[in-house]
């Protein structure tokens, strides 16, 4: 987890951006409650949920400048929108900015959202738009950053297996 406050050059309100990458769903090394519980969340759901709770508590404990305008959590949470880590963040006051039909990742031909921009109640009013830039998940994996050099294409396409999240704020 990395968090930094930003403001416009010269002055203006501060916005805290927190970036995280929660544990993957891979079952390698999972034991006890971190094993697949058969609820569709995959392995390490317990660890991801505890991490989400700790992130929210840590962000809540940080000092805020008088001009603090709110907090945005962004990153690969390795959890779908109805899974426990996202529920924990929602209970802590963070709103998922993605539309219900959005997706940022494909796995075995199925699409879903693992990557998010989540705004706290204070910042949500300043969000003009939040969307996924579909430059990776829809592209053939063989054309990607880890494929043969002979088939790589110039430009932003398939630079990752996840699509980036873009969030536009009015400050």
C-alpha atoms as a PDB file:
ATOM      1  CA  UNK A   1       0.000   0.000   0.000  1.00  0.00           C
ATOM      2  CA  UNK A   2       1.286   3.403  -0.961  1.00  0.00           C
ATOM      3  CA  UNK A   3      -0.593   6.614  -0.169  1.00  0.00           C
ATOM      4  CA  UNK A   4       0.268  10.162  -1.173  1.00  0.00           C
ATOM      5  CA  UNK A   5      -1.621  13.445  -1.018  1.00  0.00           C
ATOM      6  CA  UNK A   6      -1.677  15.641  -4.109  1.00  0.00           C
ATOM      7  CA  UNK A   7      -2.836  19.180  -4.813  1.00  0.00           C
ATOM      8  CA  UNK A   8      -2.957  21.422  -7.845  1.00  0.00           C
ATOM      9  CA  UNK A   9       0.176  23.483  -8.454  1.00  0.00           C
ATOM     10  CA  UNK A  10      -0.001  26.705  -6.502  1.00  0.00           C
ATOM     11  CA  UNK A  11      -2.609  25.656  -3.948  1.00  0.00           C
ATOM     12  CA  UNK A  12      -5.977  24.064  -3.754  1.00  0.00           C
ATOM     13  CA  UNK A  13      -7.525  21.085  -2.054  1.00  0.00           C
ATOM     14  CA  UNK A  14      -5.527  17.962  -1.338  1.00  0.00           C
ATOM     15  CA  UNK A  15      -6.604  14.547  -2.555  1.00  0.00           C
ATOM     16  CA  UNK A  16      -5.096  11.387  -1.112  1.00  0.00           C
ATOM     17  CA  UNK A  17      -4.456   8.602  -3.624  1.00  0.00           C
ATOM     18  CA  UNK A  18      -3.819   5.151  -2.172  1.00  0.00           C
ATOM     19  CA  UNK A  19      -2.530   2.405  -4.463  1.00  0.00           C
ATOM     20  CA  UNK A  20      -2.620  -1.258  -3.525  1.00  0.00           C
ATOM     21  CA  UNK A  21      -2.292  -4.746  -4.978  1.00  0.00           C
ATOM     22  CA  UNK A  22      -3.996  -7.438  -2.907  1.00  0.00           C
ATOM     23  CA  UNK A  23      -3.032 -11.135  -2.888  1.00  0.00           C
ATOM     24  CA  UNK A  24      -3.946 -13.122  -5.986  1.00  0.00           C
ATOM     25  CA  UNK A  25      -6.550 -15.884  -6.074  1.00  0.00           C
ATOM     26  CA  UNK A  26      -3.871 -18.503  -6.807  1.00  0.00           C
ATOM     27  CA  UNK A  27      -3.997 -21.323  -4.261  1.00  0.00           C
ATOM     28  CA  UNK A  28      -0.219 -21.773  -4.000  1.00  0.00           C
ATOM     29  CA  UNK A  29       0.641 -21.912  -0.284  1.00  0.00           C
ATOM     30  CA  UNK A  30      -2.915 -21.324   0.951  1.00  0.00           C
ATOM     31  CA  UNK A  31      -3.752 -22.950   4.286  1.00  0.00           C
ATOM     32  CA  UNK A  32      -6.686 -22.882   6.695  1.00  0.00           C
ATOM     33  CA  UNK A  33      -9.206 -20.118   6.040  1.00  0.00           C
ATOM     34  CA  UNK A  34      -7.128 -18.924   3.085  1.00  0.00           C
ATOM     35  CA  UNK A  35      -7.863 -22.116   1.146  1.00  0.00           C
ATOM     36  CA  UNK A  36     -10.696 -22.033  -1.380  1.00  0.00           C
ATOM     37  CA  UNK A  37     -13.890 -22.076   0.711  1.00  0.00           C
ATOM     38  CA  UNK A  38     -16.088 -22.985  -2.267  1.00  0.00           C
ATOM     39  CA  UNK A  39     -17.859 -19.616  -2.198  1.00  0.00           C
ATOM     40  CA  UNK A  40     -16.518 -18.401  -5.541  1.00  0.00           C
ATOM     41  CA  UNK A  41     -13.878 -16.085  -4.065  1.00  0.00           C
ATOM     42  CA  UNK A  42     -10.928 -18.405  -4.670  1.00  0.00           C
ATOM     43  CA  UNK A  43      -7.987 -18.787  -2.347  1.00  0.00           C
ATOM     44  CA  UNK A  44      -6.652 -16.060  -0.077  1.00  0.00           C
ATOM     45  CA  UNK A  45     -10.073 -14.354   0.267  1.00  0.00           C
ATOM     46  CA  UNK A  46      -9.546 -14.140   4.028  1.00  0.00           C
ATOM     47  CA  UNK A  47      -6.152 -12.439   3.559  1.00  0.00           C
ATOM     48  CA  UNK A  48      -7.590 -10.009   0.993  1.00  0.00           C
ATOM     49  CA  UNK A  49     -10.508  -9.157   3.290  1.00  0.00           C
ATOM     50  CA  UNK A  50      -8.237  -8.536   6.301  1.00  0.00           C
ATOM     51  CA  UNK A  51      -5.953  -6.418   4.095  1.00  0.00           C
ATOM     52  CA  UNK A  52      -8.919  -4.341   2.894  1.00  0.00           C
ATOM     53  CA  UNK A  53     -10.035  -3.772   6.497  1.00  0.00           C
ATOM     54  CA  UNK A  54      -6.514  -2.761   7.541  1.00  0.00           C
ATOM     55  CA  UNK A  55      -6.160  -0.431   4.559  1.00  0.00           C
ATOM     56  CA  UNK A  56      -9.397   1.363   5.444  1.00  0.00           C
ATOM     57  CA  UNK A  57      -8.374   1.650   9.112  1.00  0.00           C
ATOM     58  CA  UNK A  58      -4.884   2.910   8.218  1.00  0.00           C
ATOM     59  CA  UNK A  59      -6.221   5.518   5.791  1.00  0.00           C
ATOM     60  CA  UNK A  60      -8.709   6.653   8.421  1.00  0.00           C
ATOM     61  CA  UNK A  61      -5.873   7.110  10.937  1.00  0.00           C
ATOM     62  CA  UNK A  62      -3.753   9.386   8.717  1.00  0.00           C
ATOM     63  CA  UNK A  63      -3.689  13.109   9.454  1.00  0.00           C
ATOM     64  CA  UNK A  64      -5.545  15.338   7.011  1.00  0.00           C
ATOM     65  CA  UNK A  65      -4.757  18.875   5.907  1.00  0.00           C
ATOM     66  CA  UNK A  66      -7.486  21.493   6.303  1.00  0.00           C
ATOM     67  CA  UNK A  67      -7.893  21.402   2.527  1.00  0.00           C
ATOM     68  CA  UNK A  68      -8.252  17.589   2.392  1.00  0.00           C
ATOM     69  CA  UNK A  69     -10.881  16.746  -0.209  1.00  0.00           C
ATOM     70  CA  UNK A  70     -11.026  12.969   0.244  1.00  0.00           C
ATOM     71  CA  UNK A  71      -9.333   9.677  -0.565  1.00  0.00           C
ATOM     72  CA  UNK A  72      -9.247   7.472  -3.649  1.00  0.00           C
ATOM     73  CA  UNK A  73      -8.157   3.830  -3.348  1.00  0.00           C
ATOM     74  CA  UNK A  74      -7.026   2.371  -6.640  1.00  0.00           C
ATOM     75  CA  UNK A  75      -5.308  -0.808  -7.758  1.00  0.00           C
ATOM     76  CA  UNK A  76      -5.628  -4.526  -8.362  1.00  0.00           C
ATOM     77  CA  UNK A  77      -7.747  -5.827  -5.497  1.00  0.00           C
ATOM     78  CA  UNK A  78      -7.968  -9.341  -7.004  1.00  0.00           C
ATOM     79  CA  UNK A  79     -11.604  -9.466  -5.924  1.00  0.00           C
ATOM     80  CA  UNK A  80     -14.868  -9.190  -7.796  1.00  0.00           C
ATOM     81  CA  UNK A  81     -17.335  -6.471  -6.798  1.00  0.00           C
ATOM     82  CA  UNK A  82     -19.563  -8.687  -4.616  1.00  0.00           C
ATOM     83  CA  UNK A  83     -16.691 -10.360  -2.752  1.00  0.00           C
ATOM     84  CA  UNK A  84     -15.779  -9.776   0.884  1.00  0.00           C
ATOM     85  CA  UNK A  85     -12.837  -7.352   0.368  1.00  0.00           C
ATOM     86  CA  UNK A  86     -15.025  -4.953  -1.640  1.00  0.00           C
ATOM     87  CA  UNK A  87     -17.836  -5.331   0.886  1.00  0.00           C
ATOM     88  CA  UNK A  88     -15.378  -4.447   3.683  1.00  0.00           C
ATOM     89  CA  UNK A  89     -14.244  -1.320   1.834  1.00  0.00           C
ATOM     90  CA  UNK A  90     -17.862  -0.331   1.121  1.00  0.00           C
ATOM     91  CA  UNK A  91     -18.673  -0.722   4.826  1.00  0.00           C
ATOM     92  CA  UNK A  92     -15.729   1.602   5.550  1.00  0.00           C
ATOM     93  CA  UNK A  93     -17.312   4.238   3.296  1.00  0.00           C
ATOM     94  CA  UNK A  94     -15.579   3.643  -0.046  1.00  0.00           C
ATOM     95  CA  UNK A  95     -17.749   3.677  -3.168  1.00  0.00           C
ATOM     96  CA  UNK A  96     -16.901   1.588  -6.242  1.00  0.00           C
ATOM     97  CA  UNK A  97     -16.792   4.018  -9.169  1.00  0.00           C
ATOM     98  CA  UNK A  98     -17.061   1.345 -11.889  1.00  0.00           C
ATOM     99  CA  UNK A  99     -20.336   0.679 -13.650  1.00  0.00           C
ATOM    100  CA  UNK A 100     -21.936  -2.716 -13.061  1.00  0.00           C
ATOM    101  CA  UNK A 101     -21.165  -3.920 -16.589  1.00  0.00           C
ATOM    102  CA  UNK A 102     -17.531  -2.774 -16.604  1.00  0.00           C
ATOM    103  CA  UNK A 103     -14.626  -5.206 -16.719  1.00  0.00           C
ATOM    104  CA  UNK A 104     -10.855  -4.940 -16.419  1.00  0.00           C
ATOM    105  CA  UNK A 105      -9.671  -8.522 -16.812  1.00  0.00           C
ATOM    106  CA  UNK A 106     -10.349 -11.749 -18.685  1.00  0.00           C
ATOM    107  CA  UNK A 107      -9.639 -15.225 -17.401  1.00  0.00           C
ATOM    108  CA  UNK A 108     -10.350 -18.331 -19.461  1.00  0.00           C
ATOM    109  CA  UNK A 109     -12.603 -16.296 -21.751  1.00  0.00           C
ATOM    110  CA  UNK A 110     -14.709 -14.818 -18.942  1.00  0.00           C
ATOM    111  CA  UNK A 111     -14.544 -11.165 -18.050  1.00  0.00           C
ATOM    112  CA  UNK A 112     -14.805  -9.443 -14.701  1.00  0.00           C
ATOM    113  CA  UNK A 113     -13.469  -6.619 -12.587  1.00  0.00           C
ATOM    114  CA  UNK A 114     -10.452  -7.045 -10.336  1.00  0.00           C
ATOM    115  CA  UNK A 115      -9.159  -3.481 -10.589  1.00  0.00           C
ATOM    116  CA  UNK A 116     -10.872  -0.522  -8.987  1.00  0.00           C
ATOM    117  CA  UNK A 117     -11.096   3.135  -8.175  1.00  0.00           C
ATOM    118  CA  UNK A 118     -12.947   3.570  -4.870  1.00  0.00           C
ATOM    119  CA  UNK A 119     -13.764   7.032  -3.518  1.00  0.00           C
ATOM    120  CA  UNK A 120     -14.639   7.891   0.039  1.00  0.00           C
ATOM    121  CA  UNK A 121     -17.836   9.861   0.641  1.00  0.00           C
ATOM    122  CA  UNK A 122     -16.022  13.173   0.676  1.00  0.00           C
ATOM    123  CA  UNK A 123     -14.279  12.644  -2.689  1.00  0.00           C
ATOM    124  CA  UNK A 124     -17.178  10.918  -4.485  1.00  0.00           C
ATOM    125  CA  UNK A 125     -18.846  14.278  -5.187  1.00  0.00           C
ATOM    126  CA  UNK A 126     -15.726  15.460  -7.056  1.00  0.00           C
ATOM    127  CA  UNK A 127     -15.605  12.450  -9.417  1.00  0.00           C
ATOM    128  CA  UNK A 128     -16.505  13.476 -12.966  1.00  0.00           C
ATOM    129  CA  UNK A 129     -15.865  10.062 -14.510  1.00  0.00           C
ATOM    130  CA  UNK A 130     -14.189   6.745 -13.823  1.00  0.00           C
ATOM    131  CA  UNK A 131     -13.644   4.186 -16.549  1.00  0.00           C
ATOM    132  CA  UNK A 132     -11.453   1.368 -17.751  1.00  0.00           C
ATOM    133  CA  UNK A 133      -9.207   1.989 -20.743  1.00  0.00           C
ATOM    134  CA  UNK A 134      -9.750  -1.237 -22.747  1.00  0.00           C
ATOM    135  CA  UNK A 135      -6.224  -1.678 -24.076  1.00  0.00           C
ATOM    136  CA  UNK A 136      -5.245  -4.974 -22.478  1.00  0.00           C
ATOM    137  CA  UNK A 137      -7.948  -7.437 -21.450  1.00  0.00           C
ATOM    138  CA  UNK A 138      -9.538  -7.647 -24.912  1.00  0.00           C
ATOM    139  CA  UNK A 139      -6.214  -8.164 -26.692  1.00  0.00           C
ATOM    140  CA  UNK A 140      -4.827 -11.618 -27.459  1.00  0.00           C
ATOM    141  CA  UNK A 141      -2.342 -12.660 -24.749  1.00  0.00           C
ATOM    142  CA  UNK A 142       0.171 -13.755 -27.399  1.00  0.00           C
ATOM    143  CA  UNK A 143       0.488 -10.136 -28.522  1.00  0.00           C
ATOM    144  CA  UNK A 144       1.358  -8.938 -25.049  1.00  0.00           C
ATOM    145  CA  UNK A 145       4.315  -7.627 -23.159  1.00  0.00           C
ATOM    146  CA  UNK A 146       5.432 -11.153 -22.323  1.00  0.00           C
ATOM    147  CA  UNK A 147       4.948 -12.612 -25.818  1.00  0.00           C
ATOM    148  CA  UNK A 148       7.527 -13.014 -28.583  1.00  0.00           C
ATOM    149  CA  UNK A 149       9.151  -9.762 -29.716  1.00  0.00           C
ATOM    150  CA  UNK A 150       8.274 -10.536 -33.331  1.00  0.00           C
ATOM    151  CA  UNK A 151       4.528 -10.097 -32.671  1.00  0.00           C
ATOM    152  CA  UNK A 152       4.586  -7.213 -30.209  1.00  0.00           C
ATOM    153  CA  UNK A 153       2.806  -4.138 -31.426  1.00  0.00           C
ATOM    154  CA  UNK A 154       3.822  -0.567 -30.835  1.00  0.00           C
ATOM    155  CA  UNK A 155       1.550   1.387 -28.553  1.00  0.00           C
ATOM    156  CA  UNK A 156      -0.232   0.781 -25.275  1.00  0.00           C
ATOM    157  CA  UNK A 157      -1.960  -2.491 -26.200  1.00  0.00           C
ATOM    158  CA  UNK A 158      -1.484  -5.563 -24.042  1.00  0.00           C
ATOM    159  CA  UNK A 159       1.074  -3.895 -21.791  1.00  0.00           C
ATOM    160  CA  UNK A 160      -0.550  -5.862 -18.942  1.00  0.00           C
ATOM    161  CA  UNK A 161      -3.239  -8.510 -18.504  1.00  0.00           C
ATOM    162  CA  UNK A 162      -5.426  -5.898 -16.745  1.00  0.00           C
ATOM    163  CA  UNK A 163      -6.979  -2.701 -18.109  1.00  0.00           C
ATOM    164  CA  UNK A 164      -5.990   0.531 -16.354  1.00  0.00           C
ATOM    165  CA  UNK A 165      -8.547   2.595 -14.441  1.00  0.00           C
ATOM    166  CA  UNK A 166      -8.865   6.284 -15.313  1.00  0.00           C
ATOM    167  CA  UNK A 167     -10.537   8.609 -12.820  1.00  0.00           C
ATOM    168  CA  UNK A 168     -11.303  12.248 -13.611  1.00  0.00           C
ATOM    169  CA  UNK A 169     -11.747  14.563 -10.616  1.00  0.00           C
ATOM    170  CA  UNK A 170     -12.988  18.138 -10.390  1.00  0.00           C
ATOM    171  CA  UNK A 171     -10.791  19.939  -7.903  1.00  0.00           C
END
